[in-house]
């Protein structure tokens, strides 16, 4: 009953905000992000609104099925808004390469252009131009108070290399550099700290101008570590003169130590933050390998300490699962998804999810890596990464069958919005646990406290005594999420947690010291 009340209150609040929102959109994404109040949902427009009529997982365009595009994506925006999401991260929307390609449609990250939208995203069911369709999609998102982040690819497709070889980094033999094992792209040459390559800088500057004209609110820079800090400093400064609220998210992590190629530049996350990025990817994707609670807590403390370490505030996203990671249900089952959900909703970070997470998609495509019936590139196979969101083919909408988890997703996002002041201003406190596999923390602000307990062991139950100084039963304590009930005593809780279980409690008129 309590959970339904909180959910209902928050949904009504969001509906009222939407109903009385100004017709003129004013970007506030940077402030939202730096206060850790963004709830970000990553989407691939090529699959987001896809119409797979025969349910075989592949979009057969020649048979009247429609791939995802800017216009049919609009039909899902109400669903996104009602789920509590306030920001979408749109994966690359620029034209993709067709030569030396991966997959039957080409990777979204193999950019054939930085100033031309992907014609695959154009609907033929309207007289609107492709750019007009893109603007309409962004405007419709804004009408629903959904901010829009656009992805800026790190590399260029082989097609772009053939047209403009001067943009690309060459090895000692004069050949374009293939970064890591990304065989369908070549690495752009952005220069170094002493000498920026103005050809690449102007390419990216043109991209910034282009997407800002479309109306987007921020940029996620793919593999930002591959370009020097000076390059980013000048580009970010340029965008901020046009819009001080324009947000920049670096795909970079504190656990990344090596360049994507021996020939490549490597700029670590801290230098990127100094250059002006608002945030980066904390190494939360490593949680699947963590066995002790201290590993999680230590990383929370580390990322939280960065907020005021620089001249301007910084933040991170809850990068527990991204399109580069296996579906959480394949790693540790549904409890792992549930833990990710509630950590995103109660920690001082920006929540981050991939399309399909909310219904527990495992991203297993039965046709994956088999010969394609039809291809639009020089690859004759449906190339996919098993257990990861498809970014290479015209395929189905992401989505699993767990409708119960969908309701939990809405509840958790509503709760994060409900406690937004606590997340933005609260004090994070590690709570002592008697069990090394059980983490416990609290977040307090203005006599409101959120308590969170969780079992890092996904194979066995764990008992623990958790110290909560000055707590007693006189405080109004509302259970928000739990499968088993903790037992409260003076200054402590006793918990018996199921494998991977996480518990969330809201305590009024109580503050951790």
Protein backbone atom coordinates (compact mmCIF):
# COMPACT_ATOMS: atom_id res chain seq x y z
CA UNK A 1 0.00 0.00 0.00
CA UNK A 2 2.82 2.41 0.93
CA UNK A 3 4.67 1.70 -2.31
CA UNK A 4 1.50 2.32 -4.33
CA UNK A 5 0.95 5.62 -2.52
CA UNK A 6 4.47 6.83 -3.27
CA UNK A 7 4.23 5.70 -6.89
CA UNK A 8 0.84 7.35 -7.35
CA UNK A 9 1.98 10.61 -5.77
CA UNK A 10 5.07 10.79 -7.99
CA UNK A 11 3.21 9.94 -11.18
CA UNK A 12 0.59 12.63 -10.47
CA UNK A 13 3.39 15.10 -9.74
CA UNK A 14 5.10 14.32 -13.07
CA UNK A 15 1.81 14.60 -14.97
CA UNK A 16 1.12 18.02 -13.46
CA UNK A 17 4.62 19.20 -14.29
CA UNK A 18 4.13 18.04 -17.86
CA UNK A 19 0.68 19.57 -18.19
CA UNK A 20 1.80 23.02 -17.02
CA UNK A 21 5.22 23.00 -18.70
CA UNK A 22 6.09 26.01 -20.81
CA UNK A 23 5.71 25.65 -24.58
CA UNK A 24 9.25 27.00 -24.97
CA UNK A 25 11.84 24.38 -24.03
CA UNK A 26 14.64 25.59 -21.77
CA UNK A 27 17.53 23.16 -21.43
CA UNK A 28 18.29 22.23 -17.82
CA UNK A 29 20.10 18.94 -18.42
CA UNK A 30 23.46 19.97 -17.01
CA UNK A 31 21.94 21.05 -13.68
CA UNK A 32 19.80 17.92 -13.53
CA UNK A 33 22.85 15.75 -14.19
CA UNK A 34 25.17 17.49 -11.72
CA UNK A 35 22.50 17.05 -9.02
CA UNK A 36 22.44 13.29 -9.79
CA UNK A 37 18.74 13.52 -10.63
CA UNK A 38 18.89 12.37 -14.26
CA UNK A 39 17.18 9.06 -15.05
CA UNK A 40 18.72 8.13 -18.39
CA UNK A 41 17.41 5.53 -20.84
CA UNK A 42 19.68 4.54 -23.73
CA UNK A 43 17.95 3.82 -27.02
CA UNK A 44 18.89 2.70 -30.52
CA UNK A 45 16.44 4.53 -32.79
CA UNK A 46 16.85 1.85 -35.45
CA UNK A 47 15.17 -0.66 -33.11
CA UNK A 48 13.31 1.55 -30.61
CA UNK A 49 10.13 1.86 -32.69
CA UNK A 50 10.67 -1.10 -35.01
CA UNK A 51 7.53 -2.89 -36.27
CA UNK A 52 8.25 -6.63 -36.42
CA UNK A 53 4.89 -7.87 -37.66
CA UNK A 54 5.75 -11.55 -38.04
CA UNK A 55 7.69 -11.64 -34.74
CA UNK A 56 10.78 -13.32 -36.18
CA UNK A 57 13.12 -10.71 -34.70
CA UNK A 58 14.30 -9.30 -38.03
CA UNK A 59 12.70 -6.32 -39.75
CA UNK A 60 11.86 -7.39 -43.30
CA UNK A 61 11.62 -4.01 -45.00
CA UNK A 62 10.82 -5.56 -48.38
CA UNK A 63 7.78 -7.26 -46.80
CA UNK A 64 6.27 -4.09 -45.37
CA UNK A 65 7.78 -4.17 -41.88
CA UNK A 66 9.17 -0.89 -40.62
CA UNK A 67 12.49 -0.34 -38.94
CA UNK A 68 12.77 2.16 -36.12
CA UNK A 69 12.92 5.80 -37.16
CA UNK A 70 12.48 9.30 -35.76
CA UNK A 71 8.72 9.31 -36.30
CA UNK A 72 7.67 5.88 -35.04
CA UNK A 73 9.87 6.48 -31.98
CA UNK A 74 7.46 9.21 -30.93
CA UNK A 75 4.79 6.60 -30.20
CA UNK A 76 6.94 5.25 -27.35
CA UNK A 77 7.67 8.58 -25.66
CA UNK A 78 4.54 8.47 -23.49
CA UNK A 79 5.66 5.05 -22.25
CA UNK A 80 9.10 6.46 -21.47
CA UNK A 81 7.64 9.46 -19.64
CA UNK A 82 5.20 7.34 -17.60
CA UNK A 83 8.06 5.07 -16.52
CA UNK A 84 9.74 8.01 -14.78
CA UNK A 85 12.60 8.44 -17.26
CA UNK A 86 13.52 12.11 -17.72
CA UNK A 87 16.43 11.79 -20.18
CA UNK A 88 17.12 9.63 -23.22
CA UNK A 89 20.58 8.82 -24.54
CA UNK A 90 20.13 8.32 -28.27
CA UNK A 91 22.83 6.16 -29.82
CA UNK A 92 24.48 7.59 -32.98
CA UNK A 93 22.08 8.97 -35.57
CA UNK A 94 24.59 9.87 -38.29
CA UNK A 95 24.98 7.95 -41.57
CA UNK A 96 26.77 4.62 -41.13
CA UNK A 97 29.39 2.87 -43.25
CA UNK A 98 28.59 0.01 -45.62
CA UNK A 99 32.14 -1.10 -46.55
CA UNK A 100 34.06 -3.53 -44.35
CA UNK A 101 30.90 -3.36 -42.25
CA UNK A 102 29.63 -5.44 -39.36
CA UNK A 103 26.04 -6.63 -39.67
CA UNK A 104 23.41 -6.30 -42.35
CA UNK A 105 22.67 -2.63 -41.56
CA UNK A 106 26.10 -1.46 -40.32
CA UNK A 107 27.22 -0.51 -36.84
CA UNK A 108 25.76 2.68 -35.40
CA UNK A 109 29.28 3.63 -34.31
CA UNK A 110 30.81 3.32 -37.81
CA UNK A 111 30.18 6.93 -38.77
CA UNK A 112 30.25 7.64 -42.51
CA UNK A 113 29.45 11.30 -41.84
CA UNK A 114 29.34 13.75 -38.96
CA UNK A 115 26.96 16.23 -40.59
CA UNK A 116 24.44 13.96 -42.31
CA UNK A 117 21.67 12.08 -40.52
CA UNK A 118 21.32 8.36 -41.07
CA UNK A 119 18.82 7.88 -43.93
CA UNK A 120 17.86 4.56 -42.28
CA UNK A 121 16.05 6.68 -39.68
CA UNK A 122 13.76 8.39 -42.18
CA UNK A 123 10.10 7.48 -42.40
CA UNK A 124 8.56 7.45 -45.88
CA UNK A 125 5.08 7.88 -44.41
CA UNK A 126 5.31 11.67 -44.31
CA UNK A 127 6.32 14.60 -46.50
CA UNK A 128 8.67 15.86 -43.77
CA UNK A 129 12.38 15.84 -44.56
CA UNK A 130 14.72 13.69 -42.49
CA UNK A 131 15.93 16.71 -40.51
CA UNK A 132 12.35 17.84 -39.90
CA UNK A 133 11.54 14.37 -38.60
CA UNK A 134 14.52 14.52 -36.23
CA UNK A 135 13.45 17.93 -34.94
CA UNK A 136 9.89 16.69 -34.46
CA UNK A 137 11.11 13.71 -32.42
CA UNK A 138 13.24 15.95 -30.18
CA UNK A 139 10.42 18.48 -29.77
CA UNK A 140 7.99 15.71 -28.81
CA UNK A 141 10.47 14.48 -26.21
CA UNK A 142 10.76 18.00 -24.80
CA UNK A 143 6.97 18.35 -24.61
CA UNK A 144 7.10 15.41 -22.20
CA UNK A 145 9.97 16.95 -20.17
CA UNK A 146 12.39 14.35 -21.57
CA UNK A 147 15.89 15.67 -22.22
CA UNK A 148 17.85 14.36 -25.21
CA UNK A 149 21.52 13.31 -25.27
CA UNK A 150 23.04 12.45 -28.67
CA UNK A 151 25.99 10.08 -29.11
CA UNK A 152 29.16 11.40 -30.75
CA UNK A 153 31.07 8.50 -32.37
CA UNK A 154 34.81 8.18 -31.65
CA UNK A 155 35.80 6.72 -35.02
CA UNK A 156 34.98 6.92 -38.69
CA UNK A 157 33.74 4.22 -41.04
CA UNK A 158 35.99 2.89 -43.78
CA UNK A 159 33.74 4.72 -46.25
CA UNK A 160 34.69 8.04 -44.61
CA UNK A 161 38.36 7.08 -44.68
CA UNK A 162 38.18 6.58 -48.46
CA UNK A 163 36.65 10.06 -48.85
CA UNK A 164 38.78 11.95 -46.33
CA UNK A 165 41.96 10.04 -45.41
CA UNK A 166 43.51 13.18 -43.86
CA UNK A 167 41.14 12.80 -40.88
CA UNK A 168 42.59 9.47 -39.79
CA UNK A 169 45.52 8.29 -37.71
CA UNK A 170 48.14 6.26 -39.62
CA UNK A 171 50.52 3.61 -38.32
CA UNK A 172 54.23 3.31 -39.14
CA UNK A 173 53.34 1.71 -42.49
CA UNK A 174 51.01 4.55 -43.42
CA UNK A 175 47.87 2.46 -42.91
CA UNK A 176 44.81 3.72 -41.02
CA UNK A 177 44.71 2.48 -37.42
CA UNK A 178 42.12 -0.13 -36.46
CA UNK A 179 41.35 0.49 -32.78
CA UNK A 180 41.14 -2.55 -30.52
CA UNK A 181 39.15 -5.23 -32.40
CA UNK A 182 36.70 -2.78 -34.00
CA UNK A 183 37.40 -3.95 -37.53
CA UNK A 184 34.66 -1.86 -39.17
CA UNK A 185 36.08 1.54 -38.12
CA UNK A 186 39.32 3.51 -38.32
CA UNK A 187 40.65 5.84 -35.63
CA UNK A 188 40.36 9.58 -36.16
CA UNK A 189 43.50 11.62 -35.60
CA UNK A 190 42.61 14.40 -33.17
CA UNK A 191 46.26 15.34 -32.63
CA UNK A 192 47.91 15.70 -29.23
CA UNK A 193 48.11 18.14 -26.35
CA UNK A 194 50.58 20.32 -28.22
CA UNK A 195 49.05 20.18 -31.66
CA UNK A 196 45.32 19.60 -32.25
CA UNK A 197 44.36 18.33 -35.70
CA UNK A 198 42.07 21.13 -36.85
CA UNK A 199 40.53 18.98 -39.58
CA UNK A 200 39.10 16.60 -36.96
CA UNK A 201 38.33 19.46 -34.58
CA UNK A 202 36.28 21.22 -37.26
CA UNK A 203 34.54 17.93 -38.08
CA UNK A 204 33.43 17.65 -34.43
CA UNK A 205 32.66 21.35 -34.16
CA UNK A 206 30.35 20.97 -37.15
CA UNK A 207 28.69 18.01 -35.41
CA UNK A 208 28.10 20.12 -32.28
CA UNK A 209 26.57 22.93 -34.35
CA UNK A 210 24.39 20.46 -36.23
CA UNK A 211 22.91 18.64 -33.23
CA UNK A 212 22.42 21.85 -31.26
CA UNK A 213 20.40 23.21 -34.17
CA UNK A 214 18.27 20.07 -33.99
CA UNK A 215 17.56 20.95 -30.35
CA UNK A 216 19.47 18.32 -28.35
CA UNK A 217 20.46 19.00 -24.74
CA UNK A 218 23.80 17.24 -24.44
CA UNK A 219 26.39 14.92 -25.93
CA UNK A 220 27.76 11.55 -24.87
CA UNK A 221 31.29 11.29 -26.30
CA UNK A 222 32.05 7.74 -27.38
CA UNK A 223 35.47 6.51 -26.12
CA UNK A 224 36.43 10.06 -25.15
CA UNK A 225 39.85 8.82 -24.04
CA UNK A 226 41.00 8.65 -27.69
CA UNK A 227 41.32 12.44 -27.98
CA UNK A 228 43.55 14.89 -26.09
CA UNK A 229 42.18 16.97 -23.25
CA UNK A 230 42.95 20.20 -25.10
CA UNK A 231 40.75 19.05 -27.99
CA UNK A 232 37.80 18.50 -25.65
CA UNK A 233 38.46 21.65 -23.63
CA UNK A 234 38.11 23.85 -26.70
CA UNK A 235 35.09 21.98 -28.06
CA UNK A 236 33.20 21.96 -24.76
CA UNK A 237 33.99 25.63 -24.17
CA UNK A 238 32.65 26.40 -27.64
CA UNK A 239 29.34 24.62 -26.92
CA UNK A 240 28.93 26.29 -23.52
CA UNK A 241 29.13 29.73 -25.07
CA UNK A 242 26.07 28.76 -27.08
CA UNK A 243 24.26 26.99 -24.23
CA UNK A 244 25.67 26.95 -20.66
CA UNK A 245 23.34 24.04 -19.82
CA UNK A 246 24.66 21.82 -22.63
CA UNK A 247 25.80 18.62 -20.89
CA UNK A 248 28.86 16.52 -21.78
CA UNK A 249 29.22 12.88 -20.70
CA UNK A 250 32.52 11.10 -21.37
CA UNK A 251 32.59 7.43 -22.11
CA UNK A 252 35.62 6.93 -19.90
CA UNK A 253 36.21 5.01 -16.71
CA UNK A 254 38.64 5.12 -13.81
CA UNK A 255 39.41 1.45 -14.53
CA UNK A 256 40.53 2.18 -18.10
CA UNK A 257 44.32 2.38 -18.17
CA UNK A 258 45.35 1.55 -21.74
CA UNK A 259 44.78 3.16 -25.17
CA UNK A 260 42.63 1.36 -27.74
CA UNK A 261 45.75 1.04 -29.92
CA UNK A 262 49.50 1.46 -29.33
CA UNK A 263 49.32 4.32 -31.86
CA UNK A 264 46.44 6.07 -30.11
CA UNK A 265 46.25 8.93 -27.64
CA UNK A 266 45.01 7.99 -24.17
CA UNK A 267 43.46 10.67 -21.97
CA UNK A 268 42.39 9.34 -18.53
CA UNK A 269 39.05 10.19 -16.98
CA UNK A 270 40.45 12.81 -14.57
CA UNK A 271 42.00 14.84 -17.39
CA UNK A 272 38.71 14.65 -19.26
CA UNK A 273 36.87 16.01 -16.22
CA UNK A 274 39.42 18.82 -15.97
CA UNK A 275 38.79 19.57 -19.65
CA UNK A 276 35.11 20.28 -18.95
CA UNK A 277 33.20 17.01 -19.10
CA UNK A 278 30.38 16.95 -16.55
CA UNK A 279 30.65 13.24 -15.86
CA UNK A 280 31.96 9.84 -16.84
CA UNK A 281 31.31 6.13 -16.39
CA UNK A 282 32.17 4.97 -12.89
CA UNK A 283 33.48 1.41 -12.90
CA UNK A 284 30.17 0.06 -11.62
CA UNK A 285 30.07 -2.41 -14.51
CA UNK A 286 32.72 -4.33 -12.52
CA UNK A 287 30.14 -5.12 -9.83
CA UNK A 288 29.50 -8.48 -11.48
CA UNK A 289 33.01 -9.48 -10.33
CA UNK A 290 32.85 -7.97 -6.85
CA UNK A 291 32.35 -10.43 -4.01
CA UNK A 292 32.62 -8.22 -0.92
CA UNK A 293 30.50 -5.29 0.13
CA UNK A 294 33.62 -3.21 0.70
CA UNK A 295 34.37 -3.20 -3.05
CA UNK A 296 31.02 -1.59 -3.80
CA UNK A 297 31.17 0.86 -0.91
CA UNK A 298 34.73 1.92 -1.73
CA UNK A 299 33.76 2.72 -5.30
CA UNK A 300 30.71 4.69 -4.17
CA UNK A 301 32.92 6.76 -1.87
CA UNK A 302 35.42 7.29 -4.67
CA UNK A 303 32.91 8.53 -7.24
CA UNK A 304 31.11 10.61 -4.63
CA UNK A 305 34.37 12.35 -3.69
CA UNK A 306 34.81 13.62 -7.24
CA UNK A 307 31.76 15.86 -7.05
CA UNK A 308 33.66 18.79 -5.60
CA UNK A 309 37.25 17.86 -6.47
CA UNK A 310 37.35 20.01 -9.59
CA UNK A 311 36.73 23.68 -10.32
CA UNK A 312 33.18 22.75 -11.33
CA UNK A 313 30.96 19.95 -9.90
CA UNK A 314 31.12 16.50 -11.52
CA UNK A 315 28.90 13.43 -11.53
CA UNK A 316 28.79 9.84 -12.76
CA UNK A 317 26.20 7.57 -14.31
CA UNK A 318 25.14 4.27 -12.77
CA UNK A 319 27.02 2.30 -15.40
CA UNK A 320 26.17 -1.08 -13.86
CA UNK A 321 24.92 -2.19 -17.26
CA UNK A 322 25.38 -0.54 -20.67
CA UNK A 323 25.04 -1.64 -24.28
CA UNK A 324 28.65 -2.91 -24.02
CA UNK A 325 27.77 -5.23 -21.14
CA UNK A 326 25.95 -8.54 -21.04
CA UNK A 327 22.32 -8.39 -20.06
CA UNK A 328 22.20 -8.52 -16.23
CA UNK A 329 19.81 -11.48 -16.29
CA UNK A 330 22.51 -13.52 -18.02
CA UNK A 331 25.04 -12.62 -15.33
CA UNK A 332 23.19 -13.18 -12.07
CA UNK A 333 19.53 -13.55 -12.97
CA UNK A 334 16.66 -11.24 -12.13
CA UNK A 335 17.95 -10.38 -8.62
CA UNK A 336 20.96 -8.72 -10.26
CA UNK A 337 18.69 -6.51 -12.38
CA UNK A 338 16.70 -5.63 -9.28
CA UNK A 339 19.84 -4.70 -7.37
CA UNK A 340 21.04 -2.52 -10.25
CA UNK A 341 17.62 -0.83 -10.35
CA UNK A 342 17.59 0.14 -6.70
CA UNK A 343 21.25 1.13 -6.51
CA UNK A 344 20.58 3.50 -9.42
CA UNK A 345 17.57 4.88 -7.55
CA UNK A 346 19.17 5.44 -4.14
CA UNK A 347 22.82 6.34 -4.75
CA UNK A 348 24.24 9.83 -5.45
CA UNK A 349 24.61 9.18 -9.17
CA UNK A 350 22.55 9.46 -12.34
CA UNK A 351 20.45 6.37 -13.09
CA UNK A 352 21.31 4.71 -16.38
CA UNK A 353 19.51 1.91 -18.24
CA UNK A 354 19.50 0.33 -21.70
CA UNK A 355 16.30 -0.13 -23.70
CA UNK A 356 14.92 -3.53 -22.75
CA UNK A 357 16.41 -3.58 -19.25
CA UNK A 358 13.02 -2.71 -17.74
CA UNK A 359 11.44 -5.91 -19.07
CA UNK A 360 14.52 -8.13 -18.58
CA UNK A 361 15.54 -8.62 -22.21
CA UNK A 362 18.46 -11.06 -22.49
CA UNK A 363 19.29 -9.79 -26.02
CA UNK A 364 19.59 -13.31 -27.38
CA UNK A 365 18.82 -13.15 -31.10
CA UNK A 366 18.18 -16.61 -32.57
CA UNK A 367 19.31 -15.48 -36.01
CA UNK A 368 22.48 -13.91 -34.62
CA UNK A 369 25.69 -14.48 -36.63
CA UNK A 370 23.83 -16.53 -39.22
CA UNK A 371 23.77 -15.74 -42.92
CA UNK A 372 21.44 -12.83 -43.67
CA UNK A 373 18.42 -13.20 -45.92
CA UNK A 374 18.96 -9.62 -47.07
CA UNK A 375 21.89 -7.31 -46.38
CA UNK A 376 22.38 -3.57 -46.94
CA UNK A 377 26.15 -3.68 -46.40
CA UNK A 378 29.03 -5.84 -47.64
CA UNK A 379 28.56 -8.16 -44.63
CA UNK A 380 26.47 -11.22 -45.50
CA UNK A 381 25.83 -12.16 -41.87
CA UNK A 382 23.67 -10.91 -39.00
CA UNK A 383 26.61 -9.95 -36.82
CA UNK A 384 25.70 -9.52 -33.13
CA UNK A 385 27.35 -9.57 -29.73
CA UNK A 386 25.62 -12.35 -27.81
CA UNK A 387 23.62 -11.07 -24.85
CA UNK A 388 24.02 -7.43 -25.85
CA UNK A 389 21.70 -4.94 -27.52
CA UNK A 390 21.86 -5.29 -31.31
CA UNK A 391 23.43 -2.25 -33.00
CA UNK A 392 24.34 -3.92 -36.30
CA UNK A 393 21.07 -4.99 -37.98
CA UNK A 394 17.45 -4.00 -38.63
CA UNK A 395 16.00 -5.95 -35.72
CA UNK A 396 13.11 -6.09 -33.28
CA UNK A 397 12.30 -3.67 -30.50
CA UNK A 398 14.22 -4.52 -27.32
CA UNK A 399 12.00 -6.04 -24.67
CA UNK A 400 11.63 -9.07 -22.45
CA UNK A 401 8.56 -10.67 -20.93
CA UNK A 402 8.91 -9.66 -17.29
CA UNK A 403 5.98 -7.28 -16.82
CA UNK A 404 6.31 -7.42 -13.03
CA UNK A 405 9.80 -5.96 -13.27
CA UNK A 406 8.42 -3.22 -15.49
CA UNK A 407 6.23 -2.15 -12.58
CA UNK A 408 9.23 -2.21 -10.26
CA UNK A 409 11.10 -0.05 -12.77
CA UNK A 410 8.37 2.57 -12.61
CA UNK A 411 8.29 2.41 -8.80
CA UNK A 412 12.05 2.78 -8.44
CA UNK A 413 12.26 5.72 -10.85
CA UNK A 414 9.36 7.42 -9.09
CA UNK A 415 11.10 6.91 -5.77
CA UNK A 416 14.33 8.45 -7.11
CA UNK A 417 12.35 11.51 -8.23
CA UNK A 418 10.55 11.58 -4.87
CA UNK A 419 13.83 11.74 -2.93
CA UNK A 420 15.58 14.04 -5.45
CA UNK A 421 16.55 16.62 -2.75
CA UNK A 422 18.10 13.84 -0.64
CA UNK A 423 20.13 12.54 -3.59
CA UNK A 424 21.22 16.03 -4.64
CA UNK A 425 22.12 17.34 -1.19
CA UNK A 426 22.28 14.35 1.13
CA UNK A 427 25.16 12.93 3.11
CA UNK A 428 26.24 9.42 2.12
CA UNK A 429 27.03 7.24 5.18
CA UNK A 430 28.50 3.73 5.14
CA UNK A 431 26.79 1.59 7.78
CA UNK A 432 28.72 -1.13 9.57
CA UNK A 433 27.69 -4.67 8.65
CA UNK A 434 28.67 -7.84 10.49
CA UNK A 435 28.83 -9.77 7.20
CA UNK A 436 31.43 -8.95 4.52
CA UNK A 437 28.98 -9.92 1.77
CA UNK A 438 26.24 -7.57 2.98
CA UNK A 439 26.52 -3.88 2.11
CA UNK A 440 24.66 -1.19 3.99
CA UNK A 441 24.48 2.56 3.52
CA UNK A 442 22.28 5.52 4.21
CA UNK A 443 21.61 8.86 2.58
CA UNK A 444 20.31 11.67 4.78
CA UNK A 445 19.09 15.21 4.21
CA UNK A 446 16.74 17.52 6.10
CA UNK A 447 15.54 14.82 8.53
CA UNK A 448 14.82 12.33 5.75
CA UNK A 449 16.91 9.17 5.48
CA UNK A 450 17.05 6.37 2.97
CA UNK A 451 18.50 3.08 4.27
CA UNK A 452 19.72 0.42 1.86
CA UNK A 453 20.89 -3.13 2.66
CA UNK A 454 22.00 -5.68 0.07
CA UNK A 455 23.42 -9.17 -0.32
CA UNK A 456 26.36 -9.35 -2.77
CA UNK A 457 26.11 -13.15 -2.75
CA UNK A 458 23.81 -14.29 -5.58
CA UNK A 459 24.05 -17.95 -4.61
CA UNK A 460 23.20 -18.07 -0.91
CA UNK A 461 21.26 -16.34 1.88
CA UNK A 462 23.20 -14.08 4.21
CA UNK A 463 22.44 -12.84 7.70
CA UNK A 464 23.90 -9.63 9.12
CA UNK A 465 23.60 -7.13 11.92
CA UNK A 466 23.71 -3.58 10.60
CA UNK A 467 24.53 -0.69 12.93
CA UNK A 468 22.35 2.39 12.47
CA UNK A 469 23.37 4.80 15.25
CA UNK A 470 20.57 6.60 17.10
CA UNK A 471 17.81 4.72 15.26
CA UNK A 472 14.84 3.30 17.19
CA UNK A 473 11.29 2.15 16.50
CA UNK A 474 9.80 5.55 17.25
CA UNK A 475 10.78 6.82 13.79
CA UNK A 476 8.26 6.40 11.00
CA UNK A 477 9.89 3.80 8.74
CA UNK A 478 8.37 2.97 5.38
CA UNK A 479 9.43 -0.21 3.54
CA UNK A 480 9.96 0.66 -0.13
CA UNK A 481 11.60 -2.49 -1.50
CA UNK A 482 12.16 -5.85 0.17
CA UNK A 483 11.44 -9.54 -0.17
CA UNK A 484 12.11 -10.31 3.48
CA UNK A 485 11.52 -8.00 6.42
CA UNK A 486 14.43 -6.73 8.55
CA UNK A 487 14.07 -6.73 12.33
CA UNK A 488 14.77 -3.36 13.91
CA UNK A 489 16.23 -2.86 17.37
CA UNK A 490 17.81 0.10 19.10
CA UNK A 491 20.74 1.32 16.96
CA UNK A 492 20.63 -1.64 14.58
CA UNK A 493 18.80 -3.87 12.12
CA UNK A 494 19.00 -7.64 11.78
CA UNK A 495 18.59 -8.89 8.22
CA UNK A 496 18.36 -12.31 6.60
CA UNK A 497 18.74 -11.57 2.91
CA UNK A 498 17.97 -13.92 0.06
CA UNK A 499 20.58 -14.28 -2.73
CA UNK A 500 21.11 -10.88 -4.33
CA UNK A 501 18.30 -9.28 -2.32
CA UNK A 502 18.28 -5.54 -1.77
CA UNK A 503 16.14 -3.71 0.80
CA UNK A 504 15.21 -0.03 0.79
CA UNK A 505 13.58 1.84 3.69
CA UNK A 506 12.52 5.47 4.02
CA UNK A 507 12.80 6.95 7.53
CA UNK A 508 11.15 10.26 8.37
CA UNK A 509 12.36 12.74 11.00
CA UNK A 510 15.66 10.88 11.26
CA UNK A 511 19.10 11.88 10.10
CA UNK A 512 22.37 9.96 10.11
CA UNK A 513 25.31 11.76 11.68
